[in-house]
PDB file of N, CA and C in Angstrom:
ATOM      1  N   MET A   1     -12.164 -15.192  28.629  1.00  0.00           N
ATOM      2  CA  MET A   1     -11.424 -14.997  27.395  1.00  0.00           C
ATOM      3  C   MET A   1      -9.941 -15.317  27.581  1.00  0.00           C
ATOM      4  N   ARG A   2      -9.382 -14.979  28.715  1.00  0.00           N
ATOM      5  CA  ARG A   2      -7.952 -15.252  28.919  1.00  0.00           C
ATOM      6  C   ARG A   2      -7.637 -16.735  28.811  1.00  0.00           C
ATOM      7  N   ALA A   3      -8.561 -17.567  29.258  1.00  0.00           N
ATOM      8  CA  ALA A   3      -8.320 -19.008  29.251  1.00  0.00           C
ATOM      9  C   ALA A   3      -8.233 -19.572  27.838  1.00  0.00           C
ATOM     10  N   ILE A   4      -8.925 -18.955  26.879  1.00  0.00           N
ATOM     11  CA  ILE A   4      -8.923 -19.478  25.504  1.00  0.00           C
ATOM     12  C   ILE A   4      -8.186 -18.583  24.525  1.00  0.00           C
ATOM     13  N   SER A   5      -7.623 -17.474  24.983  1.00  0.00           N
ATOM     14  CA  SER A   5      -6.997 -16.526  24.060  1.00  0.00           C
ATOM     15  C   SER A   5      -5.853 -17.139  23.260  1.00  0.00           C
ATOM     16  N   ASN A   6      -5.157 -18.118  23.812  1.00  0.00           N
ATOM     17  CA  ASN A   6      -4.075 -18.760  23.061  1.00  0.00           C
ATOM     18  C   ASN A   6      -4.588 -19.845  22.121  1.00  0.00           C
ATOM     19  N   LEU A   7      -5.891 -20.124  22.147  1.00  0.00           N
ATOM     20  CA  LEU A   7      -6.477 -21.166  21.303  1.00  0.00           C
ATOM     21  C   LEU A   7      -7.200 -20.616  20.076  1.00  0.00           C
ATOM     22  N   ILE A   8      -7.437 -19.328  20.041  1.00  0.00           N
ATOM     23  CA  ILE A   8      -8.187 -18.738  18.926  1.00  0.00           C
ATOM     24  C   ILE A   8      -7.314 -17.754  18.159  1.00  0.00           C
ATOM     25  N   THR A   9      -7.612 -17.612  16.890  1.00  0.00           N
ATOM     26  CA  THR A   9      -6.918 -16.630  16.048  1.00  0.00           C
ATOM     27  C   THR A   9      -7.945 -15.970  15.144  1.00  0.00           C
ATOM     28  N   THR A  10      -7.527 -14.894  14.576  1.00  0.00           N
ATOM     29  CA  THR A  10      -8.345 -14.231  13.566  1.00  0.00           C
ATOM     30  C   THR A  10      -7.420 -13.749  12.464  1.00  0.00           C
ATOM     31  N   ARG A  11      -7.891 -13.837  11.260  1.00  0.00           N
ATOM     32  CA  ARG A  11      -7.101 -13.371  10.113  1.00  0.00           C
ATOM     33  C   ARG A  11      -8.034 -12.563   9.219  1.00  0.00           C
ATOM     34  N   SER A  12      -7.524 -11.448   8.772  1.00  0.00           N
ATOM     35  CA  SER A  12      -8.344 -10.601   7.922  1.00  0.00           C
ATOM     36  C   SER A  12      -7.448  -9.792   7.000  1.00  0.00           C
ATOM     37  N   ASN A  13      -7.976  -9.471   5.841  1.00  0.00           N
ATOM     38  CA  ASN A  13      -7.284  -8.590   4.914  1.00  0.00           C
ATOM     39  C   ASN A  13      -7.947  -7.230   4.829  1.00  0.00           C
ATOM     40  N   VAL A  14      -9.102  -7.093   5.443  1.00  0.00           N
ATOM     41  CA  VAL A  14      -9.842  -5.837   5.379  1.00  0.00           C
ATOM     42  C   VAL A  14      -9.987  -5.293   6.799  1.00  0.00           C
ATOM     43  N   PHE A  15      -9.616  -4.019   6.950  1.00  0.00           N
ATOM     44  CA  PHE A  15      -9.633  -3.391   8.262  1.00  0.00           C
ATOM     45  C   PHE A  15     -10.298  -2.031   8.194  1.00  0.00           C
ATOM     46  N   THR A  16     -10.895  -1.634   9.294  1.00  0.00           N
ATOM     47  CA  THR A  16     -11.344  -0.264   9.479  1.00  0.00           C
ATOM     48  C   THR A  16     -10.299   0.431  10.332  1.00  0.00           C
ATOM     49  N   VAL A  17      -9.871   1.606   9.897  1.00  0.00           N
ATOM     50  CA  VAL A  17      -8.824   2.347  10.595  1.00  0.00           C
ATOM     51  C   VAL A  17      -9.400   3.692  11.015  1.00  0.00           C
ATOM     52  N   TYR A  18      -9.226   4.040  12.266  1.00  0.00           N
ATOM     53  CA  TYR A  18      -9.657   5.347  12.743  1.00  0.00           C
ATOM     54  C   TYR A  18      -8.463   6.294  12.661  1.00  0.00           C
ATOM     55  N   VAL A  19      -8.603   7.373  11.889  1.00  0.00           N
ATOM     56  CA  VAL A  19      -7.490   8.293  11.645  1.00  0.00           C
ATOM     57  C   VAL A  19      -7.868   9.687  12.133  1.00  0.00           C
ATOM     58  N   THR A  20      -6.995  10.280  12.920  1.00  0.00           N
ATOM     59  CA  THR A  20      -7.162  11.666  13.354  1.00  0.00           C
ATOM     60  C   THR A  20      -5.935  12.446  12.909  1.00  0.00           C
ATOM     61  N   VAL A  21      -6.160  13.536  12.196  1.00  0.00           N
ATOM     62  CA  VAL A  21      -5.071  14.397  11.735  1.00  0.00           C
ATOM     63  C   VAL A  21      -5.237  15.749  12.413  1.00  0.00           C
ATOM     64  N   GLN A  22      -4.153  16.241  12.998  1.00  0.00           N
ATOM     65  CA  GLN A  22      -4.187  17.540  13.669  1.00  0.00           C
ATOM     66  C   GLN A  22      -3.106  18.452  13.122  1.00  0.00           C
ATOM     67  N   ILE A  23      -3.443  19.725  13.038  1.00  0.00           N
ATOM     68  CA  ILE A  23      -2.459  20.765  12.729  1.00  0.00           C
ATOM     69  C   ILE A  23      -2.304  21.565  14.014  1.00  0.00           C
ATOM     70  N   ASN A  24      -1.063  21.584  14.527  1.00  0.00           N
ATOM     71  CA  ASN A  24      -0.861  22.302  15.775  1.00  0.00           C
ATOM     72  C   ASN A  24       0.337  23.232  15.683  1.00  0.00           C
ATOM     73  N   ASN A  25       0.418  24.100  16.659  1.00  0.00           N
ATOM     74  CA  ASN A  25       1.510  25.053  16.755  1.00  0.00           C
ATOM     75  C   ASN A  25       2.762  24.304  17.180  1.00  0.00           C
ATOM     76  N   GLN A  26       3.843  24.469  16.435  1.00  0.00           N
ATOM     77  CA  GLN A  26       5.081  23.747  16.720  1.00  0.00           C
ATOM     78  C   GLN A  26       5.555  24.033  18.142  1.00  0.00           C
ATOM     79  N   GLY A  27       5.815  22.967  18.875  1.00  0.00           N
ATOM     80  CA  GLY A  27       6.322  23.114  20.228  1.00  0.00           C
ATOM     81  C   GLY A  27       5.258  23.329  21.295  1.00  0.00           C
ATOM     82  N   THR A  28       4.000  23.359  20.897  1.00  0.00           N
ATOM     83  CA  THR A  28       2.913  23.522  21.875  1.00  0.00           C
ATOM     84  C   THR A  28       1.851  22.466  21.609  1.00  0.00           C
ATOM     85  N   THR A  29       0.859  22.446  22.463  1.00  0.00           N
ATOM     86  CA  THR A  29      -0.259  21.513  22.281  1.00  0.00           C
ATOM     87  C   THR A  29      -1.488  22.209  21.702  1.00  0.00           C
ATOM     88  N   GLU A  30      -1.338  23.450  21.287  1.00  0.00           N
ATOM     89  CA  GLU A  30      -2.461  24.202  20.720  1.00  0.00           C
ATOM     90  C   GLU A  30      -2.822  23.629  19.344  1.00  0.00           C
ATOM     91  N   VAL A  31      -4.070  23.190  19.193  1.00  0.00           N
ATOM     92  CA  VAL A  31      -4.534  22.578  17.952  1.00  0.00           C
ATOM     93  C   VAL A  31      -5.301  23.620  17.141  1.00  0.00           C
ATOM     94  N   PHE A  32      -4.851  23.856  15.899  1.00  0.00           N
ATOM     95  CA  PHE A  32      -5.517  24.801  15.012  1.00  0.00           C
ATOM     96  C   PHE A  32      -6.670  24.147  14.254  1.00  0.00           C
ATOM     97  N   ALA A  33      -6.464  22.901  13.837  1.00  0.00           N
ATOM     98  CA  ALA A  33      -7.488  22.201  13.058  1.00  0.00           C
ATOM     99  C   ALA A  33      -7.358  20.709  13.306  1.00  0.00           C
ATOM    100  N   GLU A  34      -8.482  20.016  13.191  1.00  0.00           N
ATOM    101  CA  GLU A  34      -8.491  18.568  13.363  1.00  0.00           C
ATOM    102  C   GLU A  34      -9.553  17.968  12.461  1.00  0.00           C
ATOM    103  N   LYS A  35      -9.190  16.890  11.775  1.00  0.00           N
ATOM    104  CA  LYS A  35     -10.136  16.151  10.931  1.00  0.00           C
ATOM    105  C   LYS A  35     -10.011  14.679  11.265  1.00  0.00           C
ATOM    106  N   ARG A  36     -11.119  13.971  11.158  1.00  0.00           N
ATOM    107  CA  ARG A  36     -11.128  12.519  11.395  1.00  0.00           C
ATOM    108  C   ARG A  36     -11.768  11.833  10.211  1.00  0.00           C
ATOM    109  N   ILE A  37     -11.149  10.730   9.800  1.00  0.00           N
ATOM    110  CA  ILE A  37     -11.709   9.922   8.719  1.00  0.00           C
ATOM    111  C   ILE A  37     -11.737   8.464   9.150  1.00  0.00           C
ATOM    112  N   LEU A  38     -12.588   7.713   8.481  1.00  0.00           N
ATOM    113  CA  LEU A  38     -12.761   6.300   8.776  1.00  0.00           C
ATOM    114  C   LEU A  38     -12.626   5.516   7.471  1.00  0.00           C
ATOM    115  N   PRO A  39     -11.374   5.160   7.092  1.00  0.00           N
ATOM    116  CA  PRO A  39     -11.185   4.393   5.857  1.00  0.00           C
ATOM    117  C   PRO A  39     -11.321   2.892   6.088  1.00  0.00           C
ATOM    118  N   ILE A  40     -11.735   2.184   5.043  1.00  0.00           N
ATOM    119  CA  ILE A  40     -11.712   0.732   5.026  1.00  0.00           C
ATOM    120  C   ILE A  40     -10.574   0.334   4.100  1.00  0.00           C
ATOM    121  N   VAL A  41      -9.579  -0.368   4.661  1.00  0.00           N
ATOM    122  CA  VAL A  41      -8.332  -0.681   3.976  1.00  0.00           C
ATOM    123  C   VAL A  41      -8.292  -2.170   3.646  1.00  0.00           C
ATOM    124  N   ASP A  42      -7.888  -2.480   2.411  1.00  0.00           N
ATOM    125  CA  ASP A  42      -7.790  -3.869   1.952  1.00  0.00           C
ATOM    126  C   ASP A  42      -6.326  -4.175   1.673  1.00  0.00           C
ATOM    127  N   ARG A  43      -5.741  -5.092   2.437  1.00  0.00           N
ATOM    128  CA  ARG A  43      -4.331  -5.430   2.245  1.00  0.00           C
ATOM    129  C   ARG A  43      -4.141  -6.700   1.416  1.00  0.00           C
ATOM    130  N   SER A  44      -5.210  -7.231   0.827  1.00  0.00           N
ATOM    131  CA  SER A  44      -5.090  -8.450   0.017  1.00  0.00           C
ATOM    132  C   SER A  44      -4.534  -8.156  -1.373  1.00  0.00           C
ATOM    133  N   VAL A  45      -4.368  -6.892  -1.705  1.00  0.00           N
ATOM    134  CA  VAL A  45      -3.815  -6.488  -3.000  1.00  0.00           C
ATOM    135  C   VAL A  45      -2.536  -5.695  -2.760  1.00  0.00           C
ATOM    136  N   ASP A  46      -1.697  -5.634  -3.786  1.00  0.00           N
ATOM    137  CA  ASP A  46      -0.454  -4.886  -3.690  1.00  0.00           C
ATOM    138  C   ASP A  46      -0.408  -3.856  -4.803  1.00  0.00           C
ATOM    139  N   PRO A  47      -0.386  -2.590  -4.509  1.00  0.00           N
ATOM    140  CA  PRO A  47      -0.301  -1.969  -3.194  1.00  0.00           C
ATOM    141  C   PRO A  47      -1.648  -2.024  -2.451  1.00  0.00           C
ATOM    142  N   ILE A  48      -1.579  -1.802  -1.155  1.00  0.00           N
ATOM    143  CA  ILE A  48      -2.785  -1.792  -0.311  1.00  0.00           C
ATOM    144  C   ILE A  48      -3.744  -0.730  -0.826  1.00  0.00           C
ATOM    145  N   LYS A  49      -5.029  -1.045  -0.824  1.00  0.00           N
ATOM    146  CA  LYS A  49      -6.041  -0.119  -1.342  1.00  0.00           C
ATOM    147  C   LYS A  49      -6.968   0.353  -0.242  1.00  0.00           C
ATOM    148  N   VAL A  50      -7.348   1.626  -0.333  1.00  0.00           N
ATOM    149  CA  VAL A  50      -8.427   2.154   0.491  1.00  0.00           C
ATOM    150  C   VAL A  50      -9.694   1.941  -0.315  1.00  0.00           C
ATOM    151  N   ARG A  51     -10.562   1.067   0.155  1.00  0.00           N
ATOM    152  CA  ARG A  51     -11.782   0.713  -0.586  1.00  0.00           C
ATOM    153  C   ARG A  51     -12.830   1.810  -0.508  1.00  0.00           C
ATOM    154  N   CYS A  52     -12.948   2.443   0.632  1.00  0.00           N
ATOM    155  CA  CYS A  52     -13.863   3.572   0.788  1.00  0.00           C
ATOM    156  C   CYS A  52     -13.511   4.269   2.095  1.00  0.00           C
ATOM    157  N   PHE A  53     -14.032   5.460   2.282  1.00  0.00           N
ATOM    158  CA  PHE A  53     -13.833   6.148   3.550  1.00  0.00           C
ATOM    159  C   PHE A  53     -14.949   7.153   3.740  1.00  0.00           C
ATOM    160  N   GLU A  54     -15.111   7.566   4.969  1.00  0.00           N
ATOM    161  CA  GLU A  54     -16.062   8.632   5.252  1.00  0.00           C
ATOM    162  C   GLU A  54     -15.446   9.599   6.246  1.00  0.00           C
ATOM    163  N   TRP A  55     -15.819  10.858   6.091  1.00  0.00           N
ATOM    164  CA  TRP A  55     -15.390  11.872   7.049  1.00  0.00           C
ATOM    165  C   TRP A  55     -16.239  11.711   8.289  1.00  0.00           C
ATOM    166  N   ILE A  56     -15.630  11.769   9.443  1.00  0.00           N
ATOM    167  CA  ILE A  56     -16.374  11.682  10.702  1.00  0.00           C
ATOM    168  C   ILE A  56     -16.686  13.101  11.155  1.00  0.00           C
ATOM    169  N   THR A  57     -17.958  13.387  11.257  1.00  0.00           N
ATOM    170  CA  THR A  57     -18.372  14.701  11.734  1.00  0.00           C
ATOM    171  C   THR A  57     -18.807  14.557  13.186  1.00  0.00           C
ATOM    172  N   GLU A  58     -18.362  15.474  13.969  1.00  0.00           N
ATOM    173  CA  GLU A  58     -18.687  15.420  15.380  1.00  0.00           C
ATOM    174  C   GLU A  58     -19.691  16.511  15.692  1.00  0.00           C
ATOM    175  N   ARG A  59     -20.588  16.179  16.554  1.00  0.00           N
ATOM    176  CA  ARG A  59     -21.608  17.147  16.965  1.00  0.00           C
ATOM    177  C   ARG A  59     -21.200  17.737  18.304  1.00  0.00           C
ATOM    178  N   TRP A  60     -21.334  19.037  18.389  1.00  0.00           N
ATOM    179  CA  TRP A  60     -21.007  19.720  19.640  1.00  0.00           C
ATOM    180  C   TRP A  60     -22.137  19.509  20.621  1.00  0.00           C
ATOM    181  N   ARG A  61     -21.793  19.307  21.850  1.00  0.00           N
ATOM    182  CA  ARG A  61     -22.805  19.123  22.895  1.00  0.00           C
ATOM    183  C   ARG A  61     -23.066  20.411  23.608  1.00  0.00           C
TER     184      ARG A  61
END
């Protein structure tokens, strides 16, 4: 891949973004709550639109 990386490009207006939001205690690393979402963002329009999203649920092991 390194040999051809300067020869290829990709262009897209639609992206998947992984978002993690945390609420923590100020000045510490203690996390009170955390949520994750997976939006699909379209930048071909102005303003940018979130086309859809889903909440990511994690299963405890």
